[in-house]
Amino acid sequence: MCPDGVEVAWDGKELGEIITRGNVVMEGYYKDPEKTAEAIRDGWFYTGDLAVTHPDGYIEIQDRAKDLIISGGENISSTEIEGILYKHPDVLEVAVIAVPDDKWGETPKAIIVLQDHASVTETEIITFCRSRMAHFKAPTTVEFVKALPKTATGKLQKYRLREIHWKGTKKVN
């Protein structure tokens, strides 16, 4: 669904949020009516997954709504940037998040765990991305870390990275 509530075109390009309903969809969050009201509207469950629908009807998930970066009015998929960065031989793990920017509102930042004995620079990483995607989508900053925050089951916790960079501002989700 587009933000205006209209189904996206089946062209593999127009991005929208996956919404669903049915008797196997949850009724709500346990003892959390506010979160339930946010996720379930008019009987539809808003998943937070952003996807395109291809002409053959297949749906391709492209990102999570809370991970989408809006820079200068352009939508940038964090997973698209991560996919490019995983092709770099020195990158072991990566998370891309939006960070505040005075000019563009927010811009992509890559937070990278390098392979052992790698010695790539921030400039090299940005150049690598810019040579493989639209320049406005490439990270504007890169941070190298020893580890990324994860749950006990190994799921990346991007919200913890966002909290660090958005502390004191309105956007944290």
N, C-alpha and C. Protein backbone atom coordinates (compact mmCIF):
# COMPACT_ATOMS: atom_id res chain seq x y z
N MET A 1 0.83 -1.18 0.00
CA MET A 1 0.00 0.00 0.00
C MET A 1 0.88 1.25 0.00
N CYS A 2 0.51 2.20 -0.79
CA CYS A 2 1.17 3.50 -0.77
C CYS A 2 0.72 4.23 0.50
N PRO A 3 1.46 5.26 0.91
CA PRO A 3 1.04 6.02 2.09
C PRO A 3 -0.38 6.58 2.00
N ASP A 4 -0.87 6.80 0.76
CA ASP A 4 -2.22 7.35 0.60
C ASP A 4 -3.30 6.27 0.62
N GLY A 5 -2.91 5.01 0.89
CA GLY A 5 -3.87 3.92 1.02
C GLY A 5 -4.23 3.23 -0.28
N VAL A 6 -3.55 3.55 -1.36
CA VAL A 6 -3.82 2.96 -2.66
C VAL A 6 -2.80 1.84 -2.91
N GLU A 7 -3.24 0.75 -3.52
CA GLU A 7 -2.35 -0.36 -3.84
C GLU A 7 -1.26 0.12 -4.80
N VAL A 8 -0.02 -0.35 -4.58
CA VAL A 8 1.09 0.04 -5.46
C VAL A 8 0.92 -0.59 -6.83
N ALA A 9 1.54 0.03 -7.82
CA ALA A 9 1.54 -0.52 -9.17
C ALA A 9 2.35 -1.82 -9.18
N TRP A 10 1.93 -2.75 -10.01
CA TRP A 10 2.64 -4.03 -10.13
C TRP A 10 3.75 -3.88 -11.16
N ASP A 11 4.70 -2.99 -10.85
CA ASP A 11 5.77 -2.69 -11.80
C ASP A 11 7.16 -3.00 -11.26
N GLY A 12 7.23 -3.52 -10.03
CA GLY A 12 8.53 -3.83 -9.44
C GLY A 12 9.32 -2.60 -9.03
N LYS A 13 8.67 -1.44 -9.04
CA LYS A 13 9.38 -0.19 -8.73
C LYS A 13 8.73 0.61 -7.61
N GLU A 14 7.40 0.73 -7.64
CA GLU A 14 6.71 1.56 -6.66
C GLU A 14 6.73 0.88 -5.29
N LEU A 15 7.26 1.58 -4.31
CA LEU A 15 7.44 1.05 -2.97
C LEU A 15 6.21 1.33 -2.11
N GLY A 16 5.80 0.33 -1.34
CA GLY A 16 4.68 0.50 -0.43
C GLY A 16 4.84 -0.43 0.76
N GLU A 17 4.01 -0.22 1.77
CA GLU A 17 4.06 -1.04 2.98
C GLU A 17 3.14 -2.25 2.82
N ILE A 18 3.62 -3.40 3.25
CA ILE A 18 2.79 -4.61 3.22
C ILE A 18 1.79 -4.51 4.37
N ILE A 19 0.51 -4.66 4.03
CA ILE A 19 -0.53 -4.73 5.05
C ILE A 19 -1.33 -6.01 4.79
N THR A 20 -1.89 -6.56 5.84
CA THR A 20 -2.61 -7.83 5.71
C THR A 20 -3.72 -7.91 6.73
N ARG A 21 -4.67 -8.82 6.48
CA ARG A 21 -5.69 -9.11 7.46
C ARG A 21 -6.18 -10.53 7.22
N GLY A 22 -6.76 -11.10 8.24
CA GLY A 22 -7.27 -12.47 8.12
C GLY A 22 -7.38 -13.09 9.50
N ASN A 23 -7.95 -14.29 9.55
CA ASN A 23 -8.18 -14.89 10.86
C ASN A 23 -6.92 -15.51 11.46
N VAL A 24 -5.80 -15.48 10.75
CA VAL A 24 -4.54 -15.96 11.32
C VAL A 24 -3.59 -14.81 11.66
N VAL A 25 -4.06 -13.59 11.47
CA VAL A 25 -3.26 -12.41 11.81
C VAL A 25 -3.54 -12.03 13.25
N MET A 26 -2.53 -11.59 13.95
CA MET A 26 -2.69 -11.27 15.38
C MET A 26 -3.81 -10.27 15.64
N GLU A 27 -4.36 -10.35 16.84
CA GLU A 27 -5.40 -9.41 17.25
C GLU A 27 -4.80 -8.14 17.84
N GLY A 28 -3.57 -8.23 18.30
CA GLY A 28 -2.93 -7.07 18.89
C GLY A 28 -1.73 -7.46 19.73
N TYR A 29 -1.05 -6.45 20.24
CA TYR A 29 0.10 -6.67 21.11
C TYR A 29 -0.38 -6.90 22.54
N TYR A 30 0.20 -7.83 23.22
CA TYR A 30 -0.18 -8.21 24.56
C TYR A 30 -0.08 -7.03 25.52
N LYS A 31 -1.21 -6.64 26.09
CA LYS A 31 -1.31 -5.57 27.08
C LYS A 31 -0.68 -4.25 26.60
N ASP A 32 -0.78 -3.97 25.30
CA ASP A 32 -0.22 -2.74 24.75
C ASP A 32 -1.18 -2.14 23.72
N PRO A 33 -2.25 -1.50 24.20
CA PRO A 33 -3.26 -0.96 23.28
C PRO A 33 -2.73 0.15 22.37
N GLU A 34 -1.76 0.92 22.83
CA GLU A 34 -1.21 2.00 22.00
C GLU A 34 -0.46 1.43 20.80
N LYS A 35 0.38 0.43 21.05
CA LYS A 35 1.13 -0.20 19.97
C LYS A 35 0.18 -0.93 19.02
N THR A 36 -0.87 -1.53 19.58
CA THR A 36 -1.88 -2.22 18.77
C THR A 36 -2.58 -1.23 17.84
N ALA A 37 -2.99 -0.09 18.38
CA ALA A 37 -3.68 0.93 17.58
C ALA A 37 -2.78 1.47 16.47
N GLU A 38 -1.49 1.51 16.74
CA GLU A 38 -0.53 1.99 15.75
C GLU A 38 -0.37 0.97 14.61
N ALA A 39 -0.40 -0.32 14.94
CA ALA A 39 -0.15 -1.38 13.96
C ALA A 39 -1.41 -1.86 13.25
N ILE A 40 -2.54 -1.82 13.92
CA ILE A 40 -3.78 -2.33 13.33
C ILE A 40 -4.75 -1.18 13.15
N ARG A 41 -5.06 -0.90 11.88
CA ARG A 41 -5.96 0.20 11.55
C ARG A 41 -7.03 -0.31 10.60
N ASP A 42 -8.29 -0.05 10.94
CA ASP A 42 -9.43 -0.49 10.13
C ASP A 42 -9.37 -1.98 9.83
N GLY A 43 -8.88 -2.77 10.79
CA GLY A 43 -8.81 -4.22 10.62
C GLY A 43 -7.61 -4.72 9.85
N TRP A 44 -6.74 -3.82 9.40
CA TRP A 44 -5.55 -4.19 8.63
C TRP A 44 -4.31 -4.09 9.52
N PHE A 45 -3.43 -5.10 9.43
CA PHE A 45 -2.17 -5.10 10.16
C PHE A 45 -1.09 -4.51 9.27
N TYR A 46 -0.51 -3.42 9.72
CA TYR A 46 0.57 -2.74 9.00
C TYR A 46 1.89 -3.33 9.50
N THR A 47 2.55 -4.09 8.62
CA THR A 47 3.72 -4.89 9.01
C THR A 47 4.99 -4.07 9.24
N GLY A 48 5.09 -2.92 8.58
CA GLY A 48 6.33 -2.15 8.65
C GLY A 48 7.33 -2.58 7.60
N ASP A 49 6.98 -3.61 6.81
CA ASP A 49 7.84 -4.05 5.71
C ASP A 49 7.53 -3.26 4.46
N LEU A 50 8.56 -2.74 3.80
CA LEU A 50 8.38 -2.01 2.56
C LEU A 50 8.76 -2.92 1.40
N ALA A 51 7.90 -2.95 0.38
CA ALA A 51 8.10 -3.88 -0.72
C ALA A 51 7.61 -3.31 -2.04
N VAL A 52 8.01 -3.98 -3.11
CA VAL A 52 7.48 -3.71 -4.45
C VAL A 52 6.75 -4.97 -4.90
N THR A 53 5.77 -4.79 -5.78
CA THR A 53 5.07 -5.92 -6.38
C THR A 53 5.47 -6.00 -7.85
N HIS A 54 5.95 -7.17 -8.25
CA HIS A 54 6.37 -7.37 -9.64
C HIS A 54 5.17 -7.70 -10.51
N PRO A 55 5.28 -7.52 -11.84
CA PRO A 55 4.16 -7.78 -12.74
C PRO A 55 3.57 -9.18 -12.61
N ASP A 56 4.38 -10.16 -12.21
CA ASP A 56 3.88 -11.53 -12.05
C ASP A 56 3.20 -11.76 -10.70
N GLY A 57 3.09 -10.70 -9.87
CA GLY A 57 2.42 -10.80 -8.58
C GLY A 57 3.33 -11.10 -7.41
N TYR A 58 4.58 -11.41 -7.68
CA TYR A 58 5.52 -11.66 -6.59
C TYR A 58 5.84 -10.37 -5.86
N ILE A 59 5.94 -10.48 -4.54
CA ILE A 59 6.26 -9.32 -3.70
C ILE A 59 7.70 -9.46 -3.24
N GLU A 60 8.46 -8.37 -3.38
CA GLU A 60 9.86 -8.36 -2.96
C GLU A 60 10.03 -7.33 -1.83
N ILE A 61 10.36 -7.83 -0.65
CA ILE A 61 10.58 -6.94 0.48
C ILE A 61 11.92 -6.24 0.28
N GLN A 62 11.91 -4.91 0.43
CA GLN A 62 13.11 -4.13 0.19
C GLN A 62 13.71 -3.53 1.45
N ASP A 63 12.89 -3.27 2.45
CA ASP A 63 13.41 -2.65 3.67
C ASP A 63 12.31 -2.65 4.72
N ARG A 64 12.66 -2.19 5.91
CA ARG A 64 11.69 -1.94 6.97
C ARG A 64 11.40 -0.44 6.96
N ALA A 65 10.18 -0.06 7.23
CA ALA A 65 9.80 1.36 7.21
C ALA A 65 10.68 2.18 8.15
N LYS A 66 10.99 1.64 9.33
CA LYS A 66 11.80 2.40 10.28
C LYS A 66 13.27 2.48 9.87
N ASP A 67 13.69 1.65 8.89
CA ASP A 67 15.07 1.69 8.42
C ASP A 67 15.23 2.53 7.16
N LEU A 68 14.12 2.97 6.57
CA LEU A 68 14.18 3.78 5.36
C LEU A 68 14.82 5.13 5.69
N ILE A 69 15.71 5.56 4.82
CA ILE A 69 16.40 6.85 5.01
C ILE A 69 15.79 7.84 4.03
N ILE A 70 15.36 8.99 4.54
CA ILE A 70 14.79 10.03 3.69
C ILE A 70 15.75 11.21 3.70
N SER A 71 16.48 11.35 2.60
CA SER A 71 17.52 12.36 2.51
C SER A 71 17.17 13.34 1.39
N GLY A 72 16.92 14.59 1.78
CA GLY A 72 16.57 15.61 0.79
C GLY A 72 15.31 15.25 0.01
N GLY A 73 14.39 14.53 0.64
CA GLY A 73 13.15 14.13 -0.02
C GLY A 73 13.26 12.84 -0.81
N GLU A 74 14.43 12.24 -0.90
CA GLU A 74 14.64 10.98 -1.63
C GLU A 74 14.61 9.82 -0.65
N ASN A 75 13.90 8.76 -1.02
CA ASN A 75 13.88 7.54 -0.21
C ASN A 75 15.09 6.68 -0.55
N ILE A 76 15.83 6.27 0.48
CA ILE A 76 17.02 5.45 0.30
C ILE A 76 16.86 4.20 1.15
N SER A 77 17.01 3.05 0.53
CA SER A 77 16.90 1.78 1.23
C SER A 77 18.23 1.44 1.91
N SER A 78 18.17 1.25 3.23
CA SER A 78 19.38 0.87 3.95
C SER A 78 19.88 -0.50 3.50
N THR A 79 18.95 -1.40 3.17
CA THR A 79 19.36 -2.74 2.75
C THR A 79 20.03 -2.72 1.38
N GLU A 80 19.66 -1.78 0.53
CA GLU A 80 20.33 -1.66 -0.78
C GLU A 80 21.80 -1.29 -0.57
N ILE A 81 22.05 -0.35 0.30
CA ILE A 81 23.44 0.07 0.58
C ILE A 81 24.20 -1.08 1.23
N GLU A 82 23.56 -1.76 2.17
CA GLU A 82 24.21 -2.89 2.84
C GLU A 82 24.57 -3.98 1.83
N GLY A 83 23.68 -4.22 0.87
CA GLY A 83 23.95 -5.21 -0.16
C GLY A 83 25.18 -4.88 -0.98
N ILE A 84 25.36 -3.62 -1.30
CA ILE A 84 26.55 -3.17 -2.02
C ILE A 84 27.79 -3.36 -1.15
N LEU A 85 27.69 -2.94 0.11
CA LEU A 85 28.86 -3.01 1.01
C LEU A 85 29.29 -4.45 1.27
N TYR A 86 28.35 -5.38 1.31
CA TYR A 86 28.72 -6.78 1.52
C TYR A 86 29.53 -7.34 0.34
N LYS A 87 29.53 -6.65 -0.79
CA LYS A 87 30.34 -7.08 -1.93
C LYS A 87 31.80 -6.63 -1.80
N HIS A 88 32.07 -5.74 -0.86
CA HIS A 88 33.45 -5.28 -0.65
C HIS A 88 34.21 -6.37 0.11
N PRO A 89 35.39 -6.74 -0.37
CA PRO A 89 36.12 -7.85 0.25
C PRO A 89 36.57 -7.61 1.69
N ASP A 90 36.66 -6.36 2.11
CA ASP A 90 37.12 -6.06 3.48
C ASP A 90 35.99 -5.99 4.50
N VAL A 91 34.73 -6.04 4.03
CA VAL A 91 33.58 -5.89 4.93
C VAL A 91 33.12 -7.27 5.43
N LEU A 92 33.09 -7.42 6.75
CA LEU A 92 32.58 -8.64 7.38
C LEU A 92 31.10 -8.48 7.70
N GLU A 93 30.75 -7.38 8.38
CA GLU A 93 29.36 -7.08 8.74
C GLU A 93 29.12 -5.58 8.55
N VAL A 94 27.87 -5.23 8.30
CA VAL A 94 27.54 -3.82 8.11
C VAL A 94 26.10 -3.54 8.52
N ALA A 95 25.90 -2.36 9.03
CA ALA A 95 24.56 -1.82 9.30
C ALA A 95 24.55 -0.40 8.76
N VAL A 96 23.51 -0.05 8.03
CA VAL A 96 23.37 1.31 7.51
C VAL A 96 22.15 1.93 8.18
N ILE A 97 22.34 3.10 8.73
CA ILE A 97 21.26 3.82 9.41
C ILE A 97 21.22 5.27 8.92
N ALA A 98 20.11 5.92 9.19
CA ALA A 98 20.01 7.36 8.94
C ALA A 98 20.62 8.10 10.12
N VAL A 99 21.36 9.15 9.80
CA VAL A 99 21.88 10.04 10.84
C VAL A 99 21.46 11.47 10.50
N PRO A 100 21.30 12.32 11.52
CA PRO A 100 20.86 13.70 11.27
C PRO A 100 21.83 14.46 10.38
N ASP A 101 21.27 15.32 9.53
CA ASP A 101 22.07 16.16 8.66
C ASP A 101 21.38 17.51 8.52
N ASP A 102 22.12 18.58 8.76
CA ASP A 102 21.54 19.93 8.73
C ASP A 102 20.98 20.30 7.35
N LYS A 103 21.64 19.88 6.29
CA LYS A 103 21.22 20.25 4.94
C LYS A 103 20.13 19.32 4.39
N TRP A 104 20.29 18.00 4.54
CA TRP A 104 19.42 17.02 3.90
C TRP A 104 18.37 16.41 4.84
N GLY A 105 18.40 16.76 6.12
CA GLY A 105 17.48 16.16 7.10
C GLY A 105 18.10 14.92 7.72
N GLU A 106 18.48 13.97 6.86
CA GLU A 106 19.22 12.79 7.30
C GLU A 106 19.99 12.23 6.11
N THR A 107 21.07 11.53 6.41
CA THR A 107 21.88 10.90 5.38
C THR A 107 22.29 9.51 5.85
N PRO A 108 22.68 8.64 4.91
CA PRO A 108 23.10 7.29 5.30
C PRO A 108 24.49 7.27 5.95
N LYS A 109 24.59 6.47 6.99
CA LYS A 109 25.88 6.22 7.64
C LYS A 109 26.08 4.71 7.67
N ALA A 110 27.25 4.27 7.25
CA ALA A 110 27.58 2.84 7.29
C ALA A 110 28.41 2.56 8.53
N ILE A 111 28.00 1.57 9.28
CA ILE A 111 28.74 1.14 10.46
C ILE A 111 29.23 -0.27 10.14
N ILE A 112 30.55 -0.42 10.09
CA ILE A 112 31.16 -1.60 9.49
C ILE A 112 32.09 -2.33 10.45
N VAL A 113 31.97 -3.66 10.45
CA VAL A 113 32.95 -4.54 11.09
C VAL A 113 33.81 -5.07 9.94
N LEU A 114 35.10 -4.85 10.01
CA LEU A 114 36.00 -5.27 8.94
C LEU A 114 36.48 -6.71 9.13
N GLN A 115 36.86 -7.31 8.02
CA GLN A 115 37.51 -8.61 8.05
C GLN A 115 38.84 -8.46 8.82
N ASP A 116 39.34 -9.55 9.38
CA ASP A 116 40.64 -9.51 10.04
C ASP A 116 41.70 -9.00 9.07
N HIS A 117 42.56 -8.13 9.55
CA HIS A 117 43.70 -7.60 8.81
C HIS A 117 43.31 -6.67 7.65
N ALA A 118 42.07 -6.22 7.59
CA ALA A 118 41.64 -5.28 6.55
C ALA A 118 42.07 -3.87 6.95
N SER A 119 42.30 -3.03 5.96
CA SER A 119 42.75 -1.67 6.27
C SER A 119 42.13 -0.64 5.32
N VAL A 120 40.87 -0.83 4.96
CA VAL A 120 40.18 0.10 4.09
C VAL A 120 39.82 1.38 4.85
N THR A 121 39.73 2.49 4.12
CA THR A 121 39.42 3.78 4.74
C THR A 121 37.97 4.18 4.47
N GLU A 122 37.52 5.19 5.20
CA GLU A 122 36.17 5.74 4.99
C GLU A 122 36.01 6.21 3.54
N THR A 123 36.98 6.95 3.04
CA THR A 123 36.92 7.46 1.67
C THR A 123 36.83 6.33 0.66
N GLU A 124 37.58 5.26 0.86
CA GLU A 124 37.54 4.12 -0.06
C GLU A 124 36.16 3.45 -0.05
N ILE A 125 35.57 3.34 1.13
CA ILE A 125 34.23 2.73 1.23
C ILE A 125 33.20 3.59 0.51
N ILE A 126 33.22 4.90 0.72
CA ILE A 126 32.27 5.80 0.07
C ILE A 126 32.46 5.77 -1.44
N THR A 127 33.69 5.77 -1.90
CA THR A 127 33.98 5.70 -3.34
C THR A 127 33.48 4.39 -3.93
N PHE A 128 33.68 3.29 -3.21
CA PHE A 128 33.20 1.98 -3.63
C PHE A 128 31.69 2.02 -3.85
N CYS A 129 30.97 2.58 -2.90
CA CYS A 129 29.50 2.67 -3.02
C CYS A 129 29.10 3.57 -4.17
N ARG A 130 29.73 4.73 -4.28
CA ARG A 130 29.35 5.70 -5.31
C ARG A 130 29.60 5.15 -6.72
N SER A 131 30.53 4.22 -6.85
CA SER A 131 30.80 3.64 -8.17
C SER A 131 29.77 2.56 -8.53
N ARG A 132 28.91 2.19 -7.57
CA ARG A 132 27.96 1.11 -7.80
C ARG A 132 26.49 1.50 -7.60
N MET A 133 26.26 2.75 -7.24
CA MET A 133 24.89 3.21 -7.02
C MET A 133 24.81 4.72 -7.21
N ALA A 134 23.59 5.24 -7.24
CA ALA A 134 23.42 6.70 -7.35
C ALA A 134 24.17 7.36 -6.20
N HIS A 135 24.87 8.44 -6.49
CA HIS A 135 25.71 9.10 -5.49
C HIS A 135 24.93 9.53 -4.25
N PHE A 136 23.68 9.97 -4.43
CA PHE A 136 22.92 10.44 -3.27
C PHE A 136 22.59 9.30 -2.30
N LYS A 137 22.66 8.05 -2.78
CA LYS A 137 22.36 6.90 -1.93
C LYS A 137 23.57 6.44 -1.11
N ALA A 138 24.75 6.79 -1.56
CA ALA A 138 25.97 6.32 -0.90
C ALA A 138 26.10 6.91 0.50
N PRO A 139 26.72 6.16 1.41
CA PRO A 139 26.92 6.71 2.77
C PRO A 139 27.74 8.00 2.71
N THR A 140 27.38 8.93 3.58
CA THR A 140 28.16 10.17 3.68
C THR A 140 29.23 10.04 4.75
N THR A 141 29.03 9.10 5.67
CA THR A 141 30.02 8.82 6.71
C THR A 141 30.10 7.32 6.93
N VAL A 142 31.25 6.90 7.44
CA VAL A 142 31.50 5.49 7.73
C VAL A 142 32.16 5.41 9.10
N GLU A 143 31.71 4.47 9.89
CA GLU A 143 32.32 4.21 11.19
C GLU A 143 32.74 2.74 11.24
N PHE A 144 33.96 2.49 11.67
CA PHE A 144 34.45 1.13 11.81
C PHE A 144 34.37 0.73 13.28
N VAL A 145 33.74 -0.41 13.54
CA VAL A 145 33.54 -0.90 14.90
C VAL A 145 34.03 -2.34 15.01
N LYS A 146 34.22 -2.79 16.23
CA LYS A 146 34.65 -4.18 16.46
C LYS A 146 33.48 -5.16 16.38
N ALA A 147 32.27 -4.68 16.73
CA ALA A 147 31.08 -5.55 16.70
C ALA A 147 29.83 -4.68 16.58
N LEU A 148 28.78 -5.26 16.02
CA LEU A 148 27.48 -4.61 15.93
C LEU A 148 26.57 -5.17 17.02
N PRO A 149 25.67 -4.34 17.57
CA PRO A 149 24.77 -4.84 18.63
C PRO A 149 23.77 -5.85 18.08
N LYS A 150 23.63 -6.98 18.77
CA LYS A 150 22.73 -8.05 18.33
C LYS A 150 21.97 -8.62 19.52
N THR A 151 20.87 -9.28 19.18
CA THR A 151 20.10 -9.99 20.21
C THR A 151 20.81 -11.31 20.51
N ALA A 152 20.29 -12.03 21.49
CA ALA A 152 20.86 -13.34 21.86
C ALA A 152 20.79 -14.32 20.69
N THR A 153 19.82 -14.11 19.79
CA THR A 153 19.70 -15.01 18.63
C THR A 153 20.46 -14.50 17.41
N GLY A 154 21.19 -13.41 17.57
CA GLY A 154 22.04 -12.91 16.49
C GLY A 154 21.39 -11.88 15.57
N LYS A 155 20.18 -11.41 15.91
CA LYS A 155 19.52 -10.41 15.07
C LYS A 155 20.11 -9.03 15.35
N LEU A 156 20.43 -8.32 14.27
CA LEU A 156 21.00 -6.98 14.38
C LEU A 156 20.02 -6.03 15.05
N GLN A 157 20.51 -5.20 15.97
CA GLN A 157 19.67 -4.23 16.67
C GLN A 157 19.99 -2.82 16.18
N LYS A 158 19.44 -2.48 15.01
CA LYS A 158 19.68 -1.15 14.44
C LYS A 158 19.16 -0.04 15.33
N TYR A 159 18.08 -0.32 16.06
CA TYR A 159 17.51 0.73 16.92
C TYR A 159 18.54 1.22 17.93
N ARG A 160 19.42 0.35 18.40
CA ARG A 160 20.45 0.77 19.35
C ARG A 160 21.46 1.71 18.68
N LEU A 161 21.77 1.46 17.43
CA LEU A 161 22.67 2.36 16.69
C LEU A 161 21.99 3.70 16.45
N ARG A 162 20.68 3.67 16.10
CA ARG A 162 19.95 4.92 15.89
C ARG A 162 19.87 5.73 17.17
N GLU A 163 19.66 5.07 18.31
CA GLU A 163 19.57 5.79 19.59
C GLU A 163 20.83 6.61 19.85
N ILE A 164 21.98 6.07 19.54
CA ILE A 164 23.26 6.76 19.75
C ILE A 164 23.33 8.03 18.90
N HIS A 165 22.93 7.92 17.64
CA HIS A 165 23.10 9.04 16.70
C HIS A 165 21.96 10.06 16.74
N TRP A 166 20.80 9.67 17.25
CA TRP A 166 19.65 10.57 17.28
C TRP A 166 19.34 11.07 18.69
N LYS A 167 20.20 10.77 19.64
CA LYS A 167 19.96 11.19 21.03
C LYS A 167 19.74 12.70 21.09
N GLY A 168 18.66 13.09 21.73
CA GLY A 168 18.35 14.52 21.88
C GLY A 168 17.54 15.08 20.72
N THR A 169 17.19 14.23 19.73
CA THR A 169 16.35 14.68 18.63
C THR A 169 15.04 13.89 18.65
N LYS A 170 14.14 14.17 17.73
CA LYS A 170 12.84 13.52 17.73
C LYS A 170 12.88 12.11 17.15
N LYS A 171 13.70 11.87 16.12
CA LYS A 171 13.69 10.56 15.47
C LYS A 171 14.63 9.60 16.20
N VAL A 172 14.08 8.51 16.71
CA VAL A 172 14.90 7.51 17.37
C VAL A 172 14.46 6.11 16.97
N ASN A 173 13.19 5.86 16.68
CA ASN A 173 12.59 4.52 16.50
C ASN A 173 13.58 3.48 16.21
